[in-house]
Amino acid sequence: MKLLLTDSGIKNASIHGALVDLLGRPVAECTALLVPTALYAQPGGALQARRVISGLEDRAPMAQLGWKSLGVLELTALPSIGEDLWVPLVQQADALLVEGGDPMYLCHWMRESGLAALLPTLRDTVYVGLSAGSMVLTPSIGAEFVHWGPAGGGDTTLGLVDFSLFPHVDCPGMPENSMANAEKWAATMPRRAYATDGETAIKVVDGTVEVVSEGHWRLLNP
């Protein structure tokens, strides 16, 4: 897969340009599926999901980018329907837009639904993560970000990239997400890690990592 792991969606021209580069053509010519599942495991998640799906969440643009078509892929529904009803839709989509919320809840349902197993086969699909949707592809997220309790505990996620992420650095209203706390978090992580703000994304193609930013970010544990 081609990955665009954003902190807060397609927030600026640089991140938008990276998305178009990965897609290989304008957004208006591309189809996308939106995954809102992670939102439901946090307070007010159902209300937030409605805003995200409707394209009203302008703080973190994803759905409202002018896609040729946009569908909703709800992971909690997939185990109860046949793969023939959803796997072809995922395989045909140009982009998979994976929203933020609770990363461990998202990880659980990615595995339970079968999407996690499918992701490595999607060579031409652009995976666009937002916050938890980006963190879920890392090997682990750190105890600080574990809220929903997975069976057996732990903070292990899907491990499709070889680095970890600390999002929303210095975000207003999130004092716990300071750069100082990111440094403390990184000291507990056994690998390189990136601390990012809302104007930053990480582009990954064939293992090559590129930071795309109009804000501020740091590589920790280089």
C-alpha atoms as a PDB file:
ATOM      1  CA  MET A   1       0.000   0.000   0.000  1.00  0.00           C
ATOM      2  CA  LYS A   2       0.868   3.644  -0.340  1.00  0.00           C
ATOM      3  CA  LEU A   3       0.429   5.365   3.006  1.00  0.00           C
ATOM      4  CA  LEU A   4      -0.334   8.929   4.029  1.00  0.00           C
ATOM      5  CA  LEU A   5      -0.386   8.958   7.817  1.00  0.00           C
ATOM      6  CA  THR A   6      -1.806  12.318   8.821  1.00  0.00           C
ATOM      7  CA  ASP A   7      -2.134  13.903  12.220  1.00  0.00           C
ATOM      8  CA  SER A   8      -5.360  15.767  11.516  1.00  0.00           C
ATOM      9  CA  GLY A   9      -6.423  15.031   7.966  1.00  0.00           C
ATOM     10  CA  ILE A  10      -5.655  16.904   4.752  1.00  0.00           C
ATOM     11  CA  LYS A  11      -5.040  20.217   6.499  1.00  0.00           C
ATOM     12  CA  ASN A  12      -2.863  22.119   4.026  1.00  0.00           C
ATOM     13  CA  ALA A  13      -1.685  22.347   0.436  1.00  0.00           C
ATOM     14  CA  SER A  14       1.463  20.291   1.057  1.00  0.00           C
ATOM     15  CA  ILE A  15      -0.446  17.327   2.473  1.00  0.00           C
ATOM     16  CA  HIS A  16      -3.056  17.648  -0.283  1.00  0.00           C
ATOM     17  CA  GLY A  17      -0.267  17.611  -2.854  1.00  0.00           C
ATOM     18  CA  ALA A  18       1.170  14.455  -1.283  1.00  0.00           C
ATOM     19  CA  LEU A  19      -2.250  12.799  -1.500  1.00  0.00           C
ATOM     20  CA  VAL A  20      -2.642  13.675  -5.185  1.00  0.00           C
ATOM     21  CA  ASP A  21       0.878  12.414  -5.857  1.00  0.00           C
ATOM     22  CA  LEU A  22       0.053   9.058  -4.244  1.00  0.00           C
ATOM     23  CA  LEU A  23      -3.272   8.786  -6.079  1.00  0.00           C
ATOM     24  CA  GLY A  24      -1.654   9.624  -9.397  1.00  0.00           C
ATOM     25  CA  ARG A  25      -4.548  11.855 -10.466  1.00  0.00           C
ATOM     26  CA  PRO A  26      -6.870  14.505  -8.988  1.00  0.00           C
ATOM     27  CA  VAL A  27      -9.066  13.655  -6.011  1.00  0.00           C
ATOM     28  CA  ALA A  28     -12.146  14.419  -8.132  1.00  0.00           C
ATOM     29  CA  GLU A  29     -11.304  11.423 -10.322  1.00  0.00           C
ATOM     30  CA  CYS A  30     -10.867   8.989  -7.431  1.00  0.00           C
ATOM     31  CA  THR A  31     -13.140   6.812  -5.294  1.00  0.00           C
ATOM     32  CA  ALA A  32     -12.783   6.454  -1.542  1.00  0.00           C
ATOM     33  CA  LEU A  33     -14.144   4.499   1.407  1.00  0.00           C
ATOM     34  CA  LEU A  34     -14.340   6.152   4.822  1.00  0.00           C
ATOM     35  CA  VAL A  35     -13.779   4.057   7.976  1.00  0.00           C
ATOM     36  CA  PRO A  36     -15.360   5.807  11.023  1.00  0.00           C
ATOM     37  CA  THR A  37     -15.121   2.845  13.431  1.00  0.00           C
ATOM     38  CA  ALA A  38     -12.524   4.260  15.862  1.00  0.00           C
ATOM     39  CA  LEU A  39     -14.790   7.196  16.695  1.00  0.00           C
ATOM     40  CA  TYR A  40     -17.402   5.098  18.490  1.00  0.00           C
ATOM     41  CA  ALA A  41     -15.068   4.169  21.373  1.00  0.00           C
ATOM     42  CA  GLN A  42     -14.769   7.733  22.662  1.00  0.00           C
ATOM     43  CA  PRO A  43     -17.247  10.161  24.296  1.00  0.00           C
ATOM     44  CA  GLY A  44     -19.660  11.618  21.762  1.00  0.00           C
ATOM     45  CA  GLY A  45     -18.355   9.276  19.114  1.00  0.00           C
ATOM     46  CA  ALA A  46     -21.694   8.720  17.381  1.00  0.00           C
ATOM     47  CA  LEU A  47     -22.199  12.475  16.983  1.00  0.00           C
ATOM     48  CA  GLN A  48     -18.649  12.893  15.724  1.00  0.00           C
ATOM     49  CA  ALA A  49     -19.106  10.060  13.237  1.00  0.00           C
ATOM     50  CA  ARG A  50     -22.096  11.843  11.735  1.00  0.00           C
ATOM     51  CA  ARG A  51     -20.067  15.051  11.321  1.00  0.00           C
ATOM     52  CA  VAL A  52     -17.155  13.194   9.749  1.00  0.00           C
ATOM     53  CA  ILE A  53     -19.268  11.168   7.324  1.00  0.00           C
ATOM     54  CA  SER A  54     -21.217  14.284   6.321  1.00  0.00           C
ATOM     55  CA  GLY A  55     -18.032  16.232   5.634  1.00  0.00           C
ATOM     56  CA  LEU A  56     -18.815  18.773   8.348  1.00  0.00           C
ATOM     57  CA  GLU A  57     -15.654  18.198  10.390  1.00  0.00           C
ATOM     58  CA  ASP A  58     -13.549  21.015   8.967  1.00  0.00           C
ATOM     59  CA  ARG A  59     -10.927  20.677  11.712  1.00  0.00           C
ATOM     60  CA  ALA A  60      -9.794  17.418  10.116  1.00  0.00           C
ATOM     61  CA  PRO A  61     -10.720  17.318   6.403  1.00  0.00           C
ATOM     62  CA  MET A  62     -11.147  13.874   4.831  1.00  0.00           C
ATOM     63  CA  ALA A  63     -14.628  13.224   3.409  1.00  0.00           C
ATOM     64  CA  GLN A  64     -15.100  16.730   2.015  1.00  0.00           C
ATOM     65  CA  LEU A  65     -12.195  16.744  -0.442  1.00  0.00           C
ATOM     66  CA  GLY A  66     -14.373  16.342  -3.531  1.00  0.00           C
ATOM     67  CA  TRP A  67     -14.053  12.602  -4.168  1.00  0.00           C
ATOM     68  CA  LYS A  68     -15.669  11.151  -7.291  1.00  0.00           C
ATOM     69  CA  SER A  69     -17.546   8.818  -4.956  1.00  0.00           C
ATOM     70  CA  LEU A  70     -17.413   8.187  -1.229  1.00  0.00           C
ATOM     71  CA  GLY A  71     -18.692   5.165   0.677  1.00  0.00           C
ATOM     72  CA  VAL A  72     -18.669   4.225   4.364  1.00  0.00           C
ATOM     73  CA  LEU A  73     -16.944   1.027   5.504  1.00  0.00           C
ATOM     74  CA  GLU A  74     -18.088   0.208   9.051  1.00  0.00           C
ATOM     75  CA  LEU A  75     -15.751  -2.473  10.362  1.00  0.00           C
ATOM     76  CA  THR A  76     -18.058  -3.718  13.123  1.00  0.00           C
ATOM     77  CA  ALA A  77     -20.587  -4.791  10.469  1.00  0.00           C
ATOM     78  CA  LEU A  78     -18.193  -6.786   8.320  1.00  0.00           C
ATOM     79  CA  PRO A  79     -17.976 -10.047  10.338  1.00  0.00           C
ATOM     80  CA  SER A  80     -21.735 -10.503   9.981  1.00  0.00           C
ATOM     81  CA  ILE A  81     -21.821 -10.235   6.188  1.00  0.00           C
ATOM     82  CA  GLY A  82     -20.066 -12.161   3.448  1.00  0.00           C
ATOM     83  CA  GLU A  83     -16.657 -11.056   2.217  1.00  0.00           C
ATOM     84  CA  ASP A  84     -18.097 -10.943  -1.276  1.00  0.00           C
ATOM     85  CA  LEU A  85     -20.137  -7.913  -0.182  1.00  0.00           C
ATOM     86  CA  TRP A  86     -17.218  -5.768   0.975  1.00  0.00           C
ATOM     87  CA  VAL A  87     -13.824  -7.080  -0.144  1.00  0.00           C
ATOM     88  CA  PRO A  88     -14.350  -6.149  -3.833  1.00  0.00           C
ATOM     89  CA  LEU A  89     -15.383  -2.625  -2.786  1.00  0.00           C
ATOM     90  CA  VAL A  90     -12.159  -2.202  -0.828  1.00  0.00           C
ATOM     91  CA  GLN A  91     -10.077  -3.646  -3.655  1.00  0.00           C
ATOM     92  CA  GLN A  92     -11.665  -1.281  -6.174  1.00  0.00           C
ATOM     93  CA  ALA A  93     -11.354   1.896  -4.073  1.00  0.00           C
ATOM     94  CA  ASP A  94      -8.563   4.325  -4.878  1.00  0.00           C
ATOM     95  CA  ALA A  95      -8.305   5.453  -1.249  1.00  0.00           C
ATOM     96  CA  LEU A  96      -9.154   4.149   2.195  1.00  0.00           C
ATOM     97  CA  LEU A  97      -9.791   7.007   4.645  1.00  0.00           C
ATOM     98  CA  VAL A  98      -9.359   5.747   8.203  1.00  0.00           C
ATOM     99  CA  GLU A  99     -10.630   8.176  10.805  1.00  0.00           C
ATOM    100  CA  GLY A 100      -9.337   8.931  14.271  1.00  0.00           C
ATOM    101  CA  GLY A 101     -10.717   7.924  17.647  1.00  0.00           C
ATOM    102  CA  ASP A 102      -9.470   5.061  19.805  1.00  0.00           C
ATOM    103  CA  PRO A 103      -6.487   3.252  18.220  1.00  0.00           C
ATOM    104  CA  MET A 104      -6.841  -0.005  20.170  1.00  0.00           C
ATOM    105  CA  TYR A 105     -10.560  -0.285  19.378  1.00  0.00           C
ATOM    106  CA  LEU A 106      -9.758   0.352  15.743  1.00  0.00           C
ATOM    107  CA  CYS A 107      -6.986  -2.246  15.804  1.00  0.00           C
ATOM    108  CA  HIS A 108      -9.346  -4.827  17.312  1.00  0.00           C
ATOM    109  CA  TRP A 109     -11.966  -4.323  14.619  1.00  0.00           C
ATOM    110  CA  MET A 110      -9.437  -4.197  11.808  1.00  0.00           C
ATOM    111  CA  ARG A 111      -8.381  -7.693  12.849  1.00  0.00           C
ATOM    112  CA  GLU A 112     -11.874  -9.004  13.607  1.00  0.00           C
ATOM    113  CA  SER A 113     -13.296  -7.710  10.330  1.00  0.00           C
ATOM    114  CA  GLY A 114     -10.525  -9.158   8.171  1.00  0.00           C
ATOM    115  CA  LEU A 115      -9.412  -5.758   6.902  1.00  0.00           C
ATOM    116  CA  ALA A 116      -6.010  -6.029   8.615  1.00  0.00           C
ATOM    117  CA  ALA A 117      -5.221  -9.205   6.674  1.00  0.00           C
ATOM    118  CA  LEU A 118      -6.391  -7.599   3.426  1.00  0.00           C
ATOM    119  CA  LEU A 119      -4.338  -4.400   3.719  1.00  0.00           C
ATOM    120  CA  PRO A 120      -0.948  -5.839   2.620  1.00  0.00           C
ATOM    121  CA  THR A 121      -2.508  -7.096  -0.616  1.00  0.00           C
ATOM    122  CA  LEU A 122      -3.770  -3.641  -1.666  1.00  0.00           C
ATOM    123  CA  ARG A 123      -0.733  -2.594  -3.684  1.00  0.00           C
ATOM    124  CA  ASP A 124      -2.340   0.326  -5.517  1.00  0.00           C
ATOM    125  CA  THR A 125      -4.615   1.632  -2.768  1.00  0.00           C
ATOM    126  CA  VAL A 126      -3.759   4.832  -0.906  1.00  0.00           C
ATOM    127  CA  TYR A 127      -4.313   4.430   2.832  1.00  0.00           C
ATOM    128  CA  VAL A 128      -5.007   7.800   4.443  1.00  0.00           C
ATOM    129  CA  GLY A 129      -4.925   7.648   8.224  1.00  0.00           C
ATOM    130  CA  LEU A 130      -5.973  10.353  10.667  1.00  0.00           C
ATOM    131  CA  SER A 131      -4.608  10.239  14.230  1.00  0.00           C
ATOM    132  CA  ALA A 132      -5.710   6.774  15.477  1.00  0.00           C
ATOM    133  CA  GLY A 133      -6.113   5.749  11.850  1.00  0.00           C
ATOM    134  CA  SER A 134      -2.398   6.447  11.422  1.00  0.00           C
ATOM    135  CA  MET A 135      -1.257   5.079  14.793  1.00  0.00           C
ATOM    136  CA  VAL A 136      -2.927   1.718  14.176  1.00  0.00           C
ATOM    137  CA  LEU A 137      -0.389   0.876  11.466  1.00  0.00           C
ATOM    138  CA  THR A 138       2.561   1.239  13.866  1.00  0.00           C
ATOM    139  CA  PRO A 139       3.974  -1.660  15.944  1.00  0.00           C
ATOM    140  CA  SER A 140       2.743  -0.199  19.249  1.00  0.00           C
ATOM    141  CA  ILE A 141       1.324   3.047  20.607  1.00  0.00           C
ATOM    142  CA  GLY A 142       2.530   3.267  24.215  1.00  0.00           C
ATOM    143  CA  ALA A 143       0.516   2.945  27.418  1.00  0.00           C
ATOM    144  CA  GLU A 144      -0.387   6.654  27.349  1.00  0.00           C
ATOM    145  CA  PHE A 145      -2.670   6.097  24.367  1.00  0.00           C
ATOM    146  CA  VAL A 146      -4.430   2.943  25.589  1.00  0.00           C
ATOM    147  CA  HIS A 147      -7.958   3.800  26.733  1.00  0.00           C
ATOM    148  CA  TRP A 148     -10.245   1.105  25.342  1.00  0.00           C
ATOM    149  CA  GLY A 149      -9.042  -2.186  26.787  1.00  0.00           C
ATOM    150  CA  PRO A 150      -8.197  -4.884  24.244  1.00  0.00           C
ATOM    151  CA  ALA A 151      -8.566  -8.520  25.268  1.00  0.00           C
ATOM    152  CA  GLY A 152      -5.346  -9.513  26.964  1.00  0.00           C
ATOM    153  CA  GLY A 153      -4.261  -5.895  27.396  1.00  0.00           C
ATOM    154  CA  GLY A 154      -1.182  -4.395  25.822  1.00  0.00           C
ATOM    155  CA  ASP A 155      -0.564  -1.656  23.279  1.00  0.00           C
ATOM    156  CA  THR A 156       0.442  -3.740  20.248  1.00  0.00           C
ATOM    157  CA  THR A 157      -0.996  -2.573  16.936  1.00  0.00           C
ATOM    158  CA  LEU A 158      -0.682  -3.802  13.343  1.00  0.00           C
ATOM    159  CA  GLY A 159       2.996  -3.111  12.665  1.00  0.00           C
ATOM    160  CA  LEU A 160       2.759  -2.282   8.968  1.00  0.00           C
ATOM    161  CA  VAL A 161       5.345   0.476   9.451  1.00  0.00           C
ATOM    162  CA  ASP A 162       8.466   0.359  11.609  1.00  0.00           C
ATOM    163  CA  PHE A 163       8.001   3.546  13.627  1.00  0.00           C
ATOM    164  CA  SER A 164       5.606   4.900  16.244  1.00  0.00           C
ATOM    165  CA  LEU A 165       3.582   8.134  16.326  1.00  0.00           C
ATOM    166  CA  PHE A 166       2.763  10.752  18.948  1.00  0.00           C
ATOM    167  CA  PRO A 167       0.047  12.967  17.390  1.00  0.00           C
ATOM    168  CA  HIS A 168      -1.437  16.414  18.104  1.00  0.00           C
ATOM    169  CA  VAL A 169       1.687  18.006  19.571  1.00  0.00           C
ATOM    170  CA  ASP A 170       0.862  21.368  21.180  1.00  0.00           C
ATOM    171  CA  CYS A 171      -2.754  21.135  20.055  1.00  0.00           C
ATOM    172  CA  PRO A 172      -5.003  23.710  21.782  1.00  0.00           C
ATOM    173  CA  GLY A 173      -7.179  21.987  24.365  1.00  0.00           C
ATOM    174  CA  MET A 174      -4.814  19.000  24.626  1.00  0.00           C
ATOM    175  CA  PRO A 175      -2.142  20.111  27.154  1.00  0.00           C
ATOM    176  CA  GLU A 176      -1.083  16.497  27.727  1.00  0.00           C
ATOM    177  CA  ASN A 177       0.150  16.368  24.119  1.00  0.00           C
ATOM    178  CA  SER A 178       3.117  18.652  24.698  1.00  0.00           C
ATOM    179  CA  MET A 179       6.485  18.076  23.066  1.00  0.00           C
ATOM    180  CA  ALA A 180       7.922  17.470  26.541  1.00  0.00           C
ATOM    181  CA  ASN A 181       5.442  14.632  27.080  1.00  0.00           C
ATOM    182  CA  ALA A 182       6.233  13.314  23.605  1.00  0.00           C
ATOM    183  CA  GLU A 183       9.882  13.045  24.648  1.00  0.00           C
ATOM    184  CA  LYS A 184       8.926  11.144  27.816  1.00  0.00           C
ATOM    185  CA  TRP A 185       6.704   8.832  25.756  1.00  0.00           C
ATOM    186  CA  ALA A 186       9.485   8.235  23.226  1.00  0.00           C
ATOM    187  CA  ALA A 187      11.818   7.169  26.020  1.00  0.00           C
ATOM    188  CA  THR A 188       9.496   4.177  26.612  1.00  0.00           C
ATOM    189  CA  MET A 189       9.309   3.190  22.943  1.00  0.00           C
ATOM    190  CA  PRO A 190      11.851   0.672  21.555  1.00  0.00           C
ATOM    191  CA  ARG A 191      12.070   2.251  18.101  1.00  0.00           C
ATOM    192  CA  ARG A 192      12.191   5.542  16.235  1.00  0.00           C
ATOM    193  CA  ALA A 193       9.130   7.687  16.659  1.00  0.00           C
ATOM    194  CA  TYR A 194       7.655  10.844  15.226  1.00  0.00           C
ATOM    195  CA  ALA A 195       5.908  13.611  17.147  1.00  0.00           C
ATOM    196  CA  THR A 196       3.609  15.533  14.813  1.00  0.00           C
ATOM    197  CA  ASP A 197       1.244  18.476  14.864  1.00  0.00           C
ATOM    198  CA  GLY A 198      -1.968  19.049  12.910  1.00  0.00           C
ATOM    199  CA  GLU A 199      -0.146  20.404   9.850  1.00  0.00           C
ATOM    200  CA  THR A 200       2.027  17.304   9.456  1.00  0.00           C
ATOM    201  CA  ALA A 201       1.721  13.929   7.711  1.00  0.00           C
ATOM    202  CA  ILE A 202       4.075  11.042   7.013  1.00  0.00           C
ATOM    203  CA  LYS A 203       4.187   9.593   3.517  1.00  0.00           C
ATOM    204  CA  VAL A 204       5.378   5.997   3.136  1.00  0.00           C
ATOM    205  CA  VAL A 205       5.942   4.292  -0.218  1.00  0.00           C
ATOM    206  CA  ASP A 206       7.777   0.950  -0.455  1.00  0.00           C
ATOM    207  CA  GLY A 207       9.301   1.538   2.962  1.00  0.00           C
ATOM    208  CA  THR A 208      10.611   5.014   2.135  1.00  0.00           C
ATOM    209  CA  VAL A 209       9.469   7.561   4.707  1.00  0.00           C
ATOM    210  CA  GLU A 210       8.965  11.262   3.938  1.00  0.00           C
ATOM    211  CA  VAL A 211       7.634  13.866   6.353  1.00  0.00           C
ATOM    212  CA  VAL A 212       5.235  16.362   4.752  1.00  0.00           C
ATOM    213  CA  SER A 213       4.669  19.394   6.951  1.00  0.00           C
ATOM    214  CA  GLU A 214       3.718  23.038   7.118  1.00  0.00           C
ATOM    215  CA  GLY A 215       3.889  22.899  10.906  1.00  0.00           C
ATOM    216  CA  HIS A 216       6.298  21.375  13.382  1.00  0.00           C
ATOM    217  CA  TRP A 217       7.386  17.831  14.101  1.00  0.00           C
ATOM    218  CA  ARG A 218      10.336  15.915  15.557  1.00  0.00           C
ATOM    219  CA  LEU A 219      11.990  12.596  14.950  1.00  0.00           C
ATOM    220  CA  LEU A 220      12.525  10.974  18.348  1.00  0.00           C
ATOM    221  CA  ASN A 221      14.801   7.963  18.938  1.00  0.00           C
ATOM    222  CA  PRO A 222      16.445   8.381  15.504  1.00  0.00           C
END
